[in-house]
Amino acid sequence: MFLLFQVSCSNGKKENAGNTILQKSSANFSGTFSGLIPCADCPGIEITLSFNPDSSFIESMIYQKRSSSFKDSGQWIKEGKMIEVRYNDKKTSPHYFLIKSDSTIAWLDGNKKEIEGPLKDHYILKRK
């Protein structure tokens, strides 16, 4: 019984340590990135993503030549060069970004791969 209690406590400590590492890793990355991504029925979508040191983010999307815009927020996690954004609205699937350099990130497809094809450069967001 004593051994089981020790294992249980140990697992909790490892999990907490892992969360601390992710939070610390996230805190080392922050900033605001923007770009103009393709749109199926408008000239483009102006996107701005602000990654805060506390692991929160704010996303703003403005559809060009339309009177619609959206704002969203949530939490983000950085693992290596990959950033996962998790929206507060649980119905919205997470999005993934690849840190290309200190000044650019790439929006990834649903398989966490860089977007290919003639429009791939439009999925690169630049630091403001």
Protein backbone atom coordinates (compact mmCIF):
# COMPACT_ATOMS: atom_id res chain seq x y z
CA MET A 1 0.00 0.00 0.00
CA PHE A 2 2.82 2.40 0.82
CA LEU A 3 4.52 1.70 -2.51
CA LEU A 4 1.33 2.43 -4.44
CA PHE A 5 1.02 5.78 -2.69
CA GLN A 6 4.60 6.67 -3.62
CA VAL A 7 4.05 5.81 -7.29
CA SER A 8 0.86 7.86 -7.37
CA CYS A 9 2.60 10.91 -5.90
CA SER A 10 5.56 10.46 -8.19
CA ASN A 11 3.35 10.43 -11.29
CA GLY A 12 1.68 13.66 -10.20
CA LYS A 13 5.06 15.31 -9.77
CA LYS A 14 6.22 14.24 -13.23
CA GLU A 15 3.06 15.54 -14.83
CA ASN A 16 3.39 18.86 -13.03
CA ALA A 17 7.03 19.07 -14.03
CA GLY A 18 6.04 18.43 -17.66
CA ASN A 19 3.46 21.22 -17.54
CA THR A 20 6.02 23.56 -16.03
CA ILE A 21 8.46 22.75 -18.83
CA LEU A 22 5.78 23.47 -21.49
CA GLN A 23 4.83 26.71 -19.82
CA LYS A 24 8.46 27.74 -19.51
CA SER A 25 9.05 26.81 -23.16
CA SER A 26 6.00 28.85 -24.16
CA ALA A 27 7.17 31.82 -22.11
CA ASN A 28 10.37 31.94 -24.19
CA PHE A 29 8.33 32.68 -27.30
CA SER A 30 5.92 35.56 -27.74
CA GLY A 31 5.04 38.25 -30.23
CA THR A 32 2.54 39.31 -32.85
CA PHE A 33 2.52 37.81 -36.33
CA SER A 34 0.39 38.81 -39.29
CA GLY A 35 -0.21 38.02 -42.93
CA LEU A 36 -2.75 37.80 -45.72
CA ILE A 37 -3.98 34.24 -46.19
CA PRO A 38 -6.02 33.02 -49.17
CA CYS A 39 -9.82 33.17 -49.13
CA ALA A 40 -12.17 31.14 -51.36
CA ASP A 41 -14.62 33.97 -51.99
CA CYS A 42 -12.75 37.19 -51.24
CA PRO A 43 -9.33 38.73 -52.06
CA GLY A 44 -7.82 37.48 -48.79
CA ILE A 45 -8.05 37.28 -45.02
CA GLU A 46 -5.89 39.58 -42.92
CA ILE A 47 -4.83 37.56 -39.91
CA THR A 48 -3.08 38.76 -36.79
CA LEU A 49 -1.97 36.35 -34.07
CA SER A 50 -0.63 37.67 -30.78
CA PHE A 51 1.19 35.10 -28.65
CA ASN A 52 1.45 36.30 -25.05
CA PRO A 53 4.16 35.15 -22.59
CA ASP A 54 1.46 33.69 -20.30
CA SER A 55 0.59 31.13 -23.05
CA SER A 56 -2.60 32.92 -24.09
CA PHE A 57 -3.22 34.15 -27.63
CA ILE A 58 -5.57 36.47 -29.47
CA GLU A 59 -6.45 35.94 -33.12
CA SER A 60 -8.05 38.52 -35.39
CA MET A 61 -9.28 37.77 -38.91
CA ILE A 62 -10.57 40.46 -41.27
CA TYR A 63 -12.07 39.40 -44.60
CA GLN A 64 -11.11 41.84 -47.35
CA LYS A 65 -13.91 43.54 -49.31
CA ARG A 66 -16.47 42.06 -46.94
CA SER A 67 -17.93 43.45 -43.79
CA SER A 68 -16.96 40.50 -41.64
CA SER A 69 -14.26 39.98 -39.07
CA PHE A 70 -13.69 37.53 -36.25
CA LYS A 71 -11.74 37.53 -33.01
CA ASP A 72 -10.86 34.46 -31.02
CA SER A 73 -8.59 33.54 -28.15
CA GLY A 74 -7.24 30.59 -26.24
CA GLN A 75 -4.04 28.97 -25.07
CA TRP A 76 -0.94 28.00 -27.01
CA ILE A 77 1.81 25.46 -26.41
CA LYS A 78 5.23 25.41 -28.01
CA GLU A 79 6.97 22.06 -28.43
CA GLY A 80 10.26 22.36 -30.25
CA LYS A 81 9.54 24.47 -33.34
CA MET A 82 5.82 23.64 -33.41
CA ILE A 83 3.11 25.82 -31.87
CA GLU A 84 -0.34 24.42 -31.16
CA VAL A 85 -3.14 26.93 -30.58
CA ARG A 86 -6.17 25.71 -28.66
CA TYR A 87 -9.25 27.88 -28.90
CA ASN A 88 -11.44 28.72 -25.91
CA ASP A 89 -14.38 27.68 -28.11
CA LYS A 90 -14.02 23.91 -27.75
CA LYS A 91 -15.86 23.39 -31.08
CA THR A 92 -12.94 24.91 -33.02
CA SER A 93 -10.15 22.45 -33.81
CA PRO A 94 -6.60 23.39 -32.80
CA HIS A 95 -4.33 24.98 -35.41
CA TYR A 96 -0.62 24.38 -35.80
CA PHE A 97 2.26 26.64 -36.79
CA LEU A 98 5.93 26.02 -37.50
CA ILE A 99 8.52 28.52 -36.30
CA LYS A 100 10.59 29.19 -39.42
CA SER A 101 12.78 31.94 -37.93
CA ASP A 102 12.66 34.61 -35.23
CA SER A 103 10.50 36.69 -37.56
CA THR A 104 8.28 34.15 -39.38
CA ILE A 105 5.91 31.28 -38.67
CA ALA A 106 4.13 29.01 -41.16
CA TRP A 107 0.48 27.98 -40.84
CA LEU A 108 0.41 24.16 -41.13
CA ASP A 109 -2.22 21.96 -42.74
CA GLY A 110 -4.41 19.46 -40.88
CA ASN A 111 -1.59 16.88 -40.95
CA LYS A 112 0.83 19.34 -39.29
CA LYS A 113 2.77 19.70 -42.56
CA GLU A 114 3.75 22.87 -44.38
CA ILE A 115 1.28 23.89 -47.05
CA GLU A 116 2.57 23.20 -50.55
CA GLY A 117 1.65 24.57 -53.95
CA PRO A 118 1.57 27.99 -55.60
CA LEU A 119 -0.06 29.69 -52.57
CA LYS A 120 2.32 28.32 -49.92
CA ASP A 121 4.04 31.69 -49.37
CA HIS A 122 0.67 33.19 -48.40
CA TYR A 123 0.62 30.97 -45.30
CA ILE A 124 3.77 32.55 -43.85
CA LEU A 125 3.02 35.05 -41.09
CA LYS A 126 5.60 37.72 -40.25
CA ARG A 127 6.44 39.27 -36.91
CA LYS A 128 5.13 42.82 -36.51
